Structure formats: C-alpha cells, structure tokens
C-alpha cells in the first residue's frame, strides 16, 4: 500500500514537473508566443512591390563623299559630278512598370527550429467561392524577436519568404490565352 502511494506521488510529481516545464517560459505578464515545433502563429501578409525601368537610345551616323569634274574649251562645256552618301539613324524607347499590393492574414505552423532558435514556418490555405479555388502557401524563417505580442508576424519580417498565390476556376481559365495563341507563341 505504501509503495502504491509512493508510486502515485512520484507519477504526479513527474506530471506536475512536465506541466511546469511547459509553462515555465511564459511570464504571468505576457501573451503566448510561438517558440517551438508545432506552435501556430498568424502571418500578416503585407506586400507592396513597385518597379519601373525606362531606356532611351538615339544613334546616328552620316557619311558623305563628293567629287566634281569640269572641262571647258571654247564652245564645249563638259562637266561631271559624282556624289556618294550614306546615312544611318536609330532611335529606340522602352519602359516597363509594375505595381503589386497584397494584403491577407494566414495561420502558419512552426515545422522546425534552426540551431539559433529561429522558427521555420509553413502555412497553407485553400478557399473556394463560386467555383473559383484560391490557394495560398507561405514558407520562411522567423526570428523569435519578430513575433509580435499578439503572436503574429509581418510577412516582410520573414527571411527567405516564399509566398505563392494561385487560383483555379472559370475566371482563371478565361485569363489564359487559347490553344492557337499558345501554339503561335511557341513558333514565334
């Protein structure tokens, strides 16, 4: 009987010890933050990308050769003119511009830890509305100091960020070129 009581006390002590270790990293005055494998956090996707490029070229070349010959005697006048010319002109202009803005929230899971304590995260979301399916996938590395008090992190604070947003459905199908256009693009 005494051995049973001692065994129960030891088991309960180990159980309390495990619970104490789990909660020991949390302060009574702070919120829970993701810090180990399996923990979840919210990624606030805030991406603004603007890029522009322009170029202008103006080249010109001109060559000219001329010769003249004239003979005059009494009533006969003979003259000859030879002229040779060459001209090259080229002008080119080009510009590109691109603006992207993405705003979203996505839950992600800590899938592994680096040796220095950084969190390797991954999150996926699939939504389907009116026959349109949207897939959002995010991966990257988060420093624990970048995790905000509400257990969220901005996407611009994620190292080696991979953000994939793809869709499938009738709207996506109409945005793609037709088969003939695809074939002609392959030829030219």
N, C-alpha and C. Protein backbone atom coordinates (compact mmCIF):
# COMPACT_ATOMS: atom_id res chain seq x y z
N UNK A 1 0.82 -1.20 0.00
CA UNK A 1 0.00 0.00 0.00
C UNK A 1 0.85 1.25 0.00
N UNK A 2 1.91 1.23 0.84
CA UNK A 2 2.81 2.37 0.89
C UNK A 2 3.52 2.54 -0.46
N UNK A 3 3.90 1.43 -1.07
CA UNK A 3 4.58 1.52 -2.36
C UNK A 3 3.66 2.09 -3.43
N UNK A 4 2.38 1.77 -3.35
CA UNK A 4 1.40 2.30 -4.30
C UNK A 4 1.26 3.82 -4.12
N UNK A 5 1.22 4.27 -2.88
CA UNK A 5 1.09 5.70 -2.60
C UNK A 5 2.35 6.44 -3.06
N UNK A 6 3.51 5.85 -2.81
CA UNK A 6 4.76 6.47 -3.24
C UNK A 6 4.81 6.53 -4.76
N UNK A 7 4.38 5.48 -5.43
CA UNK A 7 4.37 5.44 -6.89
C UNK A 7 3.44 6.51 -7.45
N UNK A 8 2.27 6.67 -6.86
CA UNK A 8 1.32 7.69 -7.30
C UNK A 8 1.89 9.08 -7.08
N UNK A 9 2.55 9.28 -5.96
CA UNK A 9 3.14 10.59 -5.68
C UNK A 9 4.26 10.91 -6.69
N UNK A 10 5.08 9.91 -7.01
CA UNK A 10 6.15 10.12 -7.97
C UNK A 10 5.59 10.43 -9.36
N UNK A 11 4.58 9.66 -9.76
CA UNK A 11 3.97 9.91 -11.07
C UNK A 11 3.34 11.29 -11.15
N UNK A 12 2.66 11.68 -10.11
CA UNK A 12 2.03 13.01 -10.12
C UNK A 12 3.09 14.10 -10.07
N UNK A 13 4.20 13.85 -9.37
CA UNK A 13 5.28 14.84 -9.34
C UNK A 13 5.88 15.01 -10.74
N UNK A 14 6.08 13.90 -11.48
CA UNK A 14 6.59 13.99 -12.85
C UNK A 14 5.60 14.70 -13.75
N UNK A 15 4.33 14.45 -13.56
CA UNK A 15 3.30 15.13 -14.35
C UNK A 15 3.30 16.62 -14.08
N UNK A 16 3.42 17.00 -12.81
CA UNK A 16 3.48 18.42 -12.47
C UNK A 16 4.76 19.05 -13.02
N UNK A 17 5.85 18.29 -12.95
CA UNK A 17 7.12 18.78 -13.47
C UNK A 17 7.00 19.05 -14.97
N UNK A 18 6.38 18.15 -15.73
CA UNK A 18 6.21 18.33 -17.16
C UNK A 18 5.36 19.56 -17.45
N UNK A 19 4.29 19.76 -16.68
CA UNK A 19 3.44 20.92 -16.87
C UNK A 19 4.20 22.19 -16.50
N UNK A 20 4.99 22.11 -15.44
CA UNK A 20 5.77 23.27 -15.03
C UNK A 20 6.78 23.66 -16.09
N UNK A 21 7.45 22.69 -16.71
CA UNK A 21 8.42 22.97 -17.77
C UNK A 21 7.72 23.60 -18.97
N UNK A 22 6.54 23.11 -19.31
CA UNK A 22 5.80 23.64 -20.45
C UNK A 22 5.45 25.11 -20.22
N UNK A 23 5.05 25.46 -19.03
CA UNK A 23 4.60 26.82 -18.76
C UNK A 23 5.70 27.73 -18.22
N UNK A 24 6.89 27.19 -18.00
CA UNK A 24 7.95 27.98 -17.37
C UNK A 24 8.44 29.11 -18.27
N UNK A 25 8.30 28.96 -19.57
CA UNK A 25 8.80 30.00 -20.47
C UNK A 25 7.82 31.16 -20.61
N UNK A 26 6.61 31.00 -20.13
CA UNK A 26 5.61 32.06 -20.23
C UNK A 26 5.60 32.88 -18.95
N UNK A 27 5.67 34.18 -19.12
CA UNK A 27 5.57 35.07 -17.99
C UNK A 27 4.11 35.25 -17.63
N UNK A 28 3.84 35.56 -16.38
CA UNK A 28 2.46 35.85 -15.97
C UNK A 28 1.97 37.14 -16.61
N UNK A 29 2.89 37.96 -17.11
CA UNK A 29 2.53 39.27 -17.64
C UNK A 29 2.64 39.37 -19.16
N UNK A 30 2.86 38.25 -19.85
CA UNK A 30 3.00 38.31 -21.30
C UNK A 30 2.04 37.33 -21.96
N UNK A 31 1.80 37.55 -23.24
CA UNK A 31 0.96 36.67 -24.03
C UNK A 31 1.79 35.50 -24.55
N UNK A 32 1.09 34.44 -24.96
CA UNK A 32 1.77 33.27 -25.50
C UNK A 32 2.31 33.59 -26.89
N UNK A 33 3.55 33.21 -27.16
CA UNK A 33 4.16 33.37 -28.48
C UNK A 33 4.67 32.02 -28.94
N UNK A 34 4.64 31.83 -30.24
CA UNK A 34 5.17 30.60 -30.83
C UNK A 34 6.68 30.56 -30.60
N UNK A 35 7.17 29.42 -30.10
CA UNK A 35 8.61 29.31 -29.89
C UNK A 35 9.13 27.88 -30.05
N UNK A 36 8.26 26.95 -30.38
CA UNK A 36 8.73 25.57 -30.54
C UNK A 36 7.96 24.89 -31.68
N UNK A 37 8.44 23.74 -32.08
CA UNK A 37 7.84 22.99 -33.18
C UNK A 37 6.38 22.65 -32.85
N UNK A 38 5.51 22.87 -33.82
CA UNK A 38 4.09 22.58 -33.65
C UNK A 38 3.26 23.78 -33.24
N UNK A 39 3.89 24.86 -32.73
CA UNK A 39 3.14 26.05 -32.34
C UNK A 39 2.62 26.76 -33.58
N UNK A 40 1.54 27.49 -33.42
CA UNK A 40 0.93 28.22 -34.53
C UNK A 40 1.12 29.72 -34.32
N UNK A 41 1.18 30.46 -35.41
CA UNK A 41 1.21 31.91 -35.35
C UNK A 41 0.49 32.47 -36.57
N UNK A 42 0.13 33.72 -36.51
CA UNK A 42 -0.59 34.38 -37.58
C UNK A 42 0.39 35.22 -38.40
N UNK A 43 0.35 35.03 -39.72
CA UNK A 43 1.19 35.81 -40.62
C UNK A 43 0.32 36.90 -41.23
N UNK A 44 0.74 38.14 -41.05
CA UNK A 44 0.06 39.28 -41.64
C UNK A 44 0.77 39.60 -42.95
N UNK A 45 0.16 39.20 -44.06
CA UNK A 45 0.78 39.37 -45.37
C UNK A 45 0.56 40.81 -45.82
N UNK A 46 1.64 41.56 -45.87
CA UNK A 46 1.62 42.95 -46.28
C UNK A 46 2.77 43.11 -47.26
N UNK A 47 2.47 43.04 -48.54
CA UNK A 47 3.49 43.13 -49.57
C UNK A 47 3.13 44.25 -50.55
N UNK A 48 4.01 45.20 -50.71
CA UNK A 48 3.87 46.27 -51.69
C UNK A 48 5.13 46.28 -52.53
N UNK A 49 4.98 46.04 -53.81
CA UNK A 49 6.12 46.00 -54.71
C UNK A 49 5.88 46.98 -55.84
N UNK A 50 6.84 47.83 -56.07
CA UNK A 50 6.78 48.77 -57.19
C UNK A 50 8.12 48.71 -57.90
N UNK A 51 8.07 48.57 -59.21
CA UNK A 51 9.30 48.53 -60.00
C UNK A 51 9.07 49.29 -61.30
N UNK A 52 10.08 49.95 -61.75
CA UNK A 52 9.98 50.68 -63.00
C UNK A 52 11.33 50.72 -63.68
N UNK A 53 11.31 50.78 -64.99
CA UNK A 53 12.54 50.82 -65.75
C UNK A 53 12.25 51.52 -67.06
N UNK A 54 13.15 52.38 -67.49
CA UNK A 54 12.97 53.02 -68.79
C UNK A 54 14.33 53.20 -69.44
N UNK A 55 14.34 53.18 -70.74
CA UNK A 55 15.57 53.33 -71.50
C UNK A 55 15.28 54.08 -72.79
N UNK A 56 16.25 54.85 -73.24
CA UNK A 56 16.11 55.59 -74.48
C UNK A 56 17.46 55.55 -75.20
N UNK A 57 17.42 55.29 -76.47
CA UNK A 57 18.64 55.21 -77.27
C UNK A 57 18.47 56.06 -78.51
N UNK A 58 19.50 56.80 -78.85
CA UNK A 58 19.49 57.63 -80.05
C UNK A 58 20.87 57.56 -80.67
N UNK A 59 20.98 56.92 -81.81
CA UNK A 59 22.24 56.78 -82.52
C UNK A 59 22.11 57.41 -83.90
N UNK A 60 23.19 57.94 -84.39
CA UNK A 60 23.16 58.50 -85.73
C UNK A 60 24.54 58.40 -86.37
N UNK A 61 24.57 58.27 -87.68
CA UNK A 61 25.83 58.22 -88.42
C UNK A 61 25.56 58.80 -89.80
N UNK A 62 26.51 59.56 -90.29
CA UNK A 62 26.34 60.16 -91.61
C UNK A 62 27.70 60.20 -92.29
N UNK A 63 27.76 59.81 -93.52
CA UNK A 63 28.99 59.85 -94.32
C UNK A 63 28.65 60.47 -95.66
N UNK A 64 29.55 61.19 -96.21
CA UNK A 64 29.30 61.81 -97.50
C UNK A 64 30.63 61.97 -98.23
N UNK A 65 30.67 61.64 -99.50
CA UNK A 65 31.84 61.81 -100.35
C UNK A 65 31.37 62.51 -101.61
N UNK A 66 32.07 63.46 -102.06
CA UNK A 66 31.67 64.18 -103.27
C UNK A 66 32.89 64.45 -104.15
N UNK A 67 32.66 64.52 -105.41
CA UNK A 67 33.73 64.83 -106.36
C UNK A 67 33.13 65.63 -107.50
N UNK A 68 33.87 66.48 -108.06
CA UNK A 68 33.40 67.27 -109.18
C UNK A 68 34.48 67.34 -110.26
N UNK A 69 34.05 67.46 -111.48
CA UNK A 69 34.98 67.50 -112.61
C UNK A 69 34.38 68.43 -113.65
N UNK A 70 35.12 69.28 -114.13
CA UNK A 70 34.62 70.19 -115.15
C UNK A 70 35.70 70.56 -116.15
N UNK A 71 35.36 70.56 -117.42
CA UNK A 71 36.28 70.93 -118.50
C UNK A 71 35.54 71.94 -119.39
N UNK A 72 36.22 72.94 -119.77
CA UNK A 72 35.59 73.94 -120.62
C UNK A 72 36.59 74.37 -121.70
N UNK A 73 36.16 74.32 -122.96
CA UNK A 73 37.02 74.81 -124.05
C UNK A 73 36.11 75.40 -125.12
N UNK A 74 36.29 76.58 -125.40
CA UNK A 74 35.53 77.27 -126.44
C UNK A 74 34.04 77.12 -126.25
N UNK A 75 33.46 76.43 -127.24
CA UNK A 75 32.02 76.29 -127.22
C UNK A 75 31.55 75.02 -126.52
N UNK A 76 32.44 74.17 -126.12
CA UNK A 76 32.05 72.90 -125.48
C UNK A 76 32.33 72.96 -123.98
N UNK A 77 31.30 72.65 -123.29
CA UNK A 77 31.44 72.55 -121.82
C UNK A 77 31.15 71.12 -121.42
N UNK A 78 32.02 70.51 -120.70
CA UNK A 78 31.81 69.16 -120.19
C UNK A 78 31.98 69.21 -118.68
N UNK A 79 31.04 68.68 -118.03
CA UNK A 79 31.18 68.60 -116.57
C UNK A 79 30.59 67.30 -116.08
N UNK A 80 31.14 66.83 -115.02
CA UNK A 80 30.65 65.59 -114.40
C UNK A 80 30.69 65.77 -112.89
N UNK A 81 29.69 65.31 -112.30
CA UNK A 81 29.62 65.33 -110.83
C UNK A 81 29.40 63.92 -110.33
N UNK A 82 30.13 63.55 -109.34
CA UNK A 82 29.96 62.25 -108.69
C UNK A 82 29.73 62.54 -107.21
N UNK A 83 28.74 61.92 -106.68
CA UNK A 83 28.43 62.10 -105.25
C UNK A 83 28.07 60.76 -104.64
N UNK A 84 28.52 60.50 -103.48
CA UNK A 84 28.22 59.27 -102.76
C UNK A 84 27.86 59.64 -101.34
N UNK A 85 26.79 59.15 -100.83
CA UNK A 85 26.38 59.47 -99.46
C UNK A 85 25.86 58.25 -98.71
N UNK A 86 25.90 58.30 -97.41
CA UNK A 86 25.42 57.21 -96.57
C UNK A 86 24.88 57.83 -95.29
N UNK A 87 23.80 57.27 -94.79
CA UNK A 87 23.21 57.79 -93.56
C UNK A 87 22.60 56.64 -92.78
N UNK A 88 22.79 56.64 -91.52
CA UNK A 88 22.19 55.64 -90.62
C UNK A 88 21.60 56.37 -89.43
N UNK A 89 20.41 56.00 -89.07
CA UNK A 89 19.77 56.63 -87.92
C UNK A 89 18.98 55.57 -87.16
N UNK A 90 19.08 55.58 -85.83
CA UNK A 90 18.34 54.63 -84.99
C UNK A 90 17.85 55.34 -83.75
N UNK A 91 16.61 55.11 -83.45
CA UNK A 91 16.03 55.65 -82.22
C UNK A 91 15.20 54.56 -81.57
N UNK A 92 15.35 54.39 -80.29
CA UNK A 92 14.57 53.39 -79.56
C UNK A 92 14.18 53.89 -78.19
N UNK A 93 12.99 53.57 -77.78
CA UNK A 93 12.48 53.92 -76.45
C UNK A 93 11.80 52.69 -75.87
N UNK A 94 11.91 52.52 -74.58
CA UNK A 94 11.23 51.41 -73.91
C UNK A 94 11.03 51.72 -72.44
N UNK A 95 9.98 51.18 -71.88
CA UNK A 95 9.75 51.36 -70.44
C UNK A 95 8.89 50.22 -69.93
N UNK A 96 9.12 49.88 -68.68
CA UNK A 96 8.29 48.89 -68.00
C UNK A 96 7.89 49.44 -66.64
N UNK A 97 6.76 49.01 -66.17
CA UNK A 97 6.27 49.42 -64.86
C UNK A 97 5.45 48.30 -64.27
N UNK A 98 5.61 48.08 -62.97
CA UNK A 98 4.86 47.01 -62.32
C UNK A 98 4.54 47.43 -60.88
N UNK A 99 3.28 47.27 -60.49
CA UNK A 99 2.84 47.56 -59.13
C UNK A 99 2.05 46.37 -58.61
N UNK A 100 2.39 45.93 -57.41
CA UNK A 100 1.66 44.83 -56.78
C UNK A 100 1.37 45.20 -55.33
N UNK A 101 0.20 44.83 -54.87
CA UNK A 101 -0.16 45.05 -53.48
C UNK A 101 -0.95 43.84 -53.01
N UNK A 102 -0.47 43.21 -51.94
CA UNK A 102 -1.13 42.01 -51.40
C UNK A 102 -1.37 42.24 -49.92
N UNK A 103 -2.59 42.01 -49.47
CA UNK A 103 -2.94 42.12 -48.06
C UNK A 103 -3.76 40.89 -47.68
N UNK A 104 -3.34 40.18 -46.66
CA UNK A 104 -4.07 38.99 -46.21
C UNK A 104 -3.56 38.56 -44.85
N UNK A 105 -4.28 37.66 -44.21
CA UNK A 105 -3.85 37.01 -42.97
C UNK A 105 -3.88 35.52 -43.20
N UNK A 106 -2.92 34.83 -42.61
CA UNK A 106 -2.81 33.40 -42.80
C UNK A 106 -2.19 32.79 -41.55
N UNK A 107 -2.76 31.69 -41.09
CA UNK A 107 -2.17 30.98 -39.96
C UNK A 107 -1.08 30.06 -40.47
N UNK A 108 0.00 29.98 -39.72
CA UNK A 108 1.13 29.13 -40.10
C UNK A 108 1.57 28.32 -38.88
N UNK A 109 2.25 27.23 -39.16
CA UNK A 109 2.72 26.34 -38.10
C UNK A 109 4.25 26.32 -38.11
N UNK A 110 4.83 26.25 -36.92
CA UNK A 110 6.28 26.08 -36.81
C UNK A 110 6.57 24.61 -37.13
N UNK A 111 7.27 24.37 -38.24
CA UNK A 111 7.54 22.99 -38.65
C UNK A 111 8.91 22.52 -38.21
N UNK A 112 9.79 23.47 -37.86
CA UNK A 112 11.11 23.08 -37.39
C UNK A 112 11.79 24.29 -36.76
N UNK A 113 12.88 24.05 -36.06
CA UNK A 113 13.68 25.11 -35.45
C UNK A 113 15.10 25.04 -35.98
N UNK A 114 15.69 26.21 -36.22
CA UNK A 114 17.10 26.25 -36.57
C UNK A 114 17.93 26.18 -35.29
N UNK A 115 19.22 25.95 -35.43
CA UNK A 115 20.10 25.84 -34.26
C UNK A 115 20.13 27.11 -33.43
N UNK A 116 19.96 28.26 -34.06
CA UNK A 116 19.99 29.53 -33.34
C UNK A 116 18.64 29.93 -32.75
N UNK A 117 17.62 29.08 -32.91
CA UNK A 117 16.31 29.34 -32.33
C UNK A 117 15.30 29.95 -33.29
N UNK A 118 15.72 30.26 -34.51
CA UNK A 118 14.78 30.80 -35.50
C UNK A 118 13.74 29.74 -35.85
N UNK A 119 12.52 30.20 -36.13
CA UNK A 119 11.40 29.32 -36.41
C UNK A 119 11.23 29.14 -37.92
N UNK A 120 11.16 27.91 -38.37
CA UNK A 120 10.85 27.63 -39.77
C UNK A 120 9.35 27.39 -39.84
N UNK A 121 8.65 28.23 -40.60
CA UNK A 121 7.18 28.17 -40.61
C UNK A 121 6.67 27.77 -41.99
N UNK A 122 5.44 27.25 -41.99
CA UNK A 122 4.74 26.93 -43.23
C UNK A 122 3.25 27.04 -42.97
N UNK A 123 2.56 27.62 -43.91
CA UNK A 123 1.11 27.74 -43.82
C UNK A 123 0.46 27.59 -45.17
N UNK A 124 -0.71 26.98 -45.19
CA UNK A 124 -1.46 26.79 -46.45
C UNK A 124 -2.92 27.12 -46.20
N UNK A 125 -3.54 27.70 -47.22
CA UNK A 125 -4.97 27.98 -47.14
C UNK A 125 -5.58 27.75 -48.51
N UNK A 126 -6.70 27.06 -48.54
CA UNK A 126 -7.45 26.82 -49.77
C UNK A 126 -8.87 27.31 -49.54
N UNK A 127 -9.33 28.20 -50.41
CA UNK A 127 -10.71 28.69 -50.32
C UNK A 127 -11.38 28.48 -51.67
N UNK A 128 -12.66 28.20 -51.62
CA UNK A 128 -13.43 28.02 -52.84
C UNK A 128 -14.70 28.85 -52.74
N UNK A 129 -14.87 29.78 -53.69
CA UNK A 129 -16.04 30.65 -53.71
C UNK A 129 -16.54 30.71 -55.15
N UNK A 130 -17.80 30.35 -55.35
CA UNK A 130 -18.44 30.42 -56.67
C UNK A 130 -17.63 29.72 -57.75
N UNK A 131 -17.13 28.57 -57.47
CA UNK A 131 -16.41 27.79 -58.45
C UNK A 131 -14.95 28.19 -58.64
N UNK A 132 -14.50 29.22 -57.95
CA UNK A 132 -13.11 29.67 -58.02
C UNK A 132 -12.38 29.17 -56.77
N UNK A 133 -11.29 28.45 -56.97
CA UNK A 133 -10.49 27.96 -55.87
C UNK A 133 -9.21 28.78 -55.80
N UNK A 134 -8.89 29.26 -54.60
CA UNK A 134 -7.67 30.02 -54.40
C UNK A 134 -6.77 29.29 -53.42
N UNK A 135 -5.50 29.17 -53.79
CA UNK A 135 -4.50 28.50 -52.95
C UNK A 135 -3.47 29.54 -52.51
N UNK A 136 -3.22 29.59 -51.21
CA UNK A 136 -2.19 30.47 -50.66
C UNK A 136 -1.24 29.61 -49.84
N UNK A 137 0.04 29.71 -50.15
CA UNK A 137 1.06 28.95 -49.42
C UNK A 137 2.16 29.92 -49.02
N UNK A 138 2.60 29.81 -47.76
CA UNK A 138 3.67 30.67 -47.28
C UNK A 138 4.69 29.82 -46.53
N UNK A 139 5.96 30.11 -46.75
CA UNK A 139 7.07 29.43 -46.07
C UNK A 139 8.14 30.45 -45.77
N UNK A 140 8.93 30.17 -44.73
CA UNK A 140 10.05 31.06 -44.43
C UNK A 140 10.60 30.83 -43.04
N UNK A 141 11.49 31.73 -42.66
CA UNK A 141 12.17 31.65 -41.37
C UNK A 141 11.86 32.93 -40.59
N UNK A 142 11.45 32.76 -39.34
CA UNK A 142 11.06 33.88 -38.49
C UNK A 142 11.97 33.93 -37.27
N UNK A 143 12.50 35.12 -36.99
CA UNK A 143 13.24 35.29 -35.74
C UNK A 143 12.24 35.44 -34.61
N UNK A 144 12.48 34.83 -33.45
CA UNK A 144 11.53 34.96 -32.34
C UNK A 144 11.28 36.40 -31.92
N UNK A 145 12.26 37.29 -32.07
CA UNK A 145 12.06 38.70 -31.70
C UNK A 145 11.09 39.40 -32.63
N UNK A 146 10.87 38.86 -33.83
CA UNK A 146 9.93 39.48 -34.78
C UNK A 146 8.48 39.06 -34.54
N UNK A 147 8.27 38.08 -33.66
CA UNK A 147 6.91 37.67 -33.33
C UNK A 147 6.33 38.72 -32.38
N UNK A 148 5.23 39.31 -32.79
CA UNK A 148 4.61 40.39 -32.01
C UNK A 148 3.90 39.83 -30.78
N UNK A 149 3.54 40.68 -29.82
CA UNK A 149 2.88 40.21 -28.59
C UNK A 149 1.58 39.45 -28.83
N UNK A 150 0.89 39.73 -29.95
CA UNK A 150 -0.35 39.02 -30.25
C UNK A 150 -0.10 37.74 -31.06
N UNK A 151 1.15 37.26 -31.06
CA UNK A 151 1.56 36.02 -31.73
C UNK A 151 1.37 36.12 -33.25
N UNK A 152 1.70 37.28 -33.81
CA UNK A 152 1.63 37.46 -35.26
C UNK A 152 2.97 37.99 -35.74
N UNK A 153 3.19 37.88 -37.03
CA UNK A 153 4.42 38.37 -37.65
C UNK A 153 4.07 38.93 -39.02
N UNK A 154 4.71 40.05 -39.37
CA UNK A 154 4.51 40.62 -40.70
C UNK A 154 5.31 39.85 -41.73
N UNK A 155 4.77 39.73 -42.93
CA UNK A 155 5.44 38.96 -43.97
C UNK A 155 6.79 39.57 -44.35
N UNK A 156 6.92 40.87 -44.24
CA UNK A 156 8.20 41.49 -44.61
C UNK A 156 9.29 41.22 -43.57
N UNK A 157 8.94 40.60 -42.44
CA UNK A 157 9.94 40.22 -41.43
C UNK A 157 10.35 38.76 -41.57
N UNK A 158 9.84 38.07 -42.58
CA UNK A 158 10.14 36.64 -42.76
C UNK A 158 11.32 36.50 -43.72
N UNK A 159 12.34 35.79 -43.25
CA UNK A 159 13.53 35.54 -44.05
C UNK A 159 13.25 34.43 -45.05
N UNK A 160 13.81 34.55 -46.24
CA UNK A 160 13.62 33.55 -47.31
C UNK A 160 12.14 33.27 -47.56
N UNK A 161 11.37 34.34 -47.63
CA UNK A 161 9.92 34.22 -47.81
C UNK A 161 9.58 33.62 -49.16
N UNK A 162 8.72 32.62 -49.13
CA UNK A 162 8.10 32.07 -50.34
C UNK A 162 6.60 32.26 -50.17
N UNK A 163 6.01 33.07 -51.03
CA UNK A 163 4.58 33.34 -50.98
C UNK A 163 4.00 32.98 -52.33
N UNK A 164 3.15 31.97 -52.35
CA UNK A 164 2.53 31.53 -53.59
C UNK A 164 1.02 31.75 -53.49
N UNK A 165 0.48 32.48 -54.45
CA UNK A 165 -0.96 32.71 -54.53
C UNK A 165 -1.39 32.28 -55.92
N UNK A 166 -2.25 31.29 -55.99
CA UNK A 166 -2.65 30.73 -57.26
C UNK A 166 -4.15 30.49 -57.23
N UNK A 167 -4.76 30.48 -58.38
CA UNK A 167 -6.19 30.25 -58.46
C UNK A 167 -6.54 29.29 -59.56
N UNK A 168 -7.71 28.72 -59.44
CA UNK A 168 -8.19 27.77 -60.43
C UNK A 168 -9.70 27.90 -60.52
N UNK A 169 -10.21 27.98 -61.73
CA UNK A 169 -11.65 28.11 -61.92
C UNK A 169 -11.95 28.78 -63.24
N UNK A 170 -13.21 29.14 -63.44
CA UNK A 170 -13.63 29.68 -64.73
C UNK A 170 -12.99 31.04 -65.03
N UNK A 171 -12.84 31.89 -64.04
CA UNK A 171 -12.21 33.20 -64.29
C UNK A 171 -10.75 33.01 -64.67
N UNK A 172 -10.05 32.13 -63.98
CA UNK A 172 -8.65 31.85 -64.30
C UNK A 172 -8.51 31.27 -65.70
N UNK A 173 -9.45 30.43 -66.10
CA UNK A 173 -9.39 29.83 -67.43
C UNK A 173 -9.54 30.88 -68.51
N UNK A 174 -10.41 31.86 -68.31
CA UNK A 174 -10.62 32.89 -69.32
C UNK A 174 -9.45 33.87 -69.40
N UNK A 175 -8.64 33.94 -68.35
CA UNK A 175 -7.49 34.83 -68.38
C UNK A 175 -6.32 34.22 -69.13
N UNK A 176 -6.32 32.94 -69.36
CA UNK A 176 -5.24 32.28 -70.08
C UNK A 176 -5.49 32.39 -71.59
N UNK A 177 -4.42 32.48 -72.38
CA UNK A 177 -4.60 32.52 -73.84
C UNK A 177 -5.11 31.17 -74.35
N UNK A 178 -5.76 31.20 -75.52
CA UNK A 178 -6.29 29.99 -76.12
C UNK A 178 -5.20 29.10 -76.68
N UNK A 179 -5.58 27.92 -77.15
CA UNK A 179 -4.62 26.95 -77.67
C UNK A 179 -3.90 27.47 -78.91
N UNK A 180 -4.62 28.12 -79.81
CA UNK A 180 -3.99 28.64 -81.03
C UNK A 180 -2.96 29.71 -80.68
N UNK A 181 -3.30 30.59 -79.76
CA UNK A 181 -2.36 31.63 -79.34
C UNK A 181 -1.13 31.02 -78.70
N UNK A 182 -1.31 30.00 -77.86
CA UNK A 182 -0.18 29.32 -77.25
C UNK A 182 0.71 28.67 -78.31
N UNK A 183 0.09 28.04 -79.30
CA UNK A 183 0.84 27.41 -80.38
C UNK A 183 1.65 28.44 -81.18
N UNK A 184 1.01 29.56 -81.52
CA UNK A 184 1.70 30.60 -82.28
C UNK A 184 2.85 31.20 -81.48
N UNK A 185 2.69 31.33 -80.17
CA UNK A 185 3.77 31.84 -79.33
C UNK A 185 4.96 30.89 -79.31
N UNK A 186 4.68 29.58 -79.37
CA UNK A 186 5.77 28.61 -79.40
C UNK A 186 6.55 28.74 -80.72
N UNK A 187 5.84 29.02 -81.81
CA UNK A 187 6.51 29.13 -83.11
C UNK A 187 7.32 30.41 -83.23
N UNK A 188 6.81 31.47 -82.68
CA UNK A 188 7.47 32.77 -82.84
C UNK A 188 8.02 33.21 -81.54
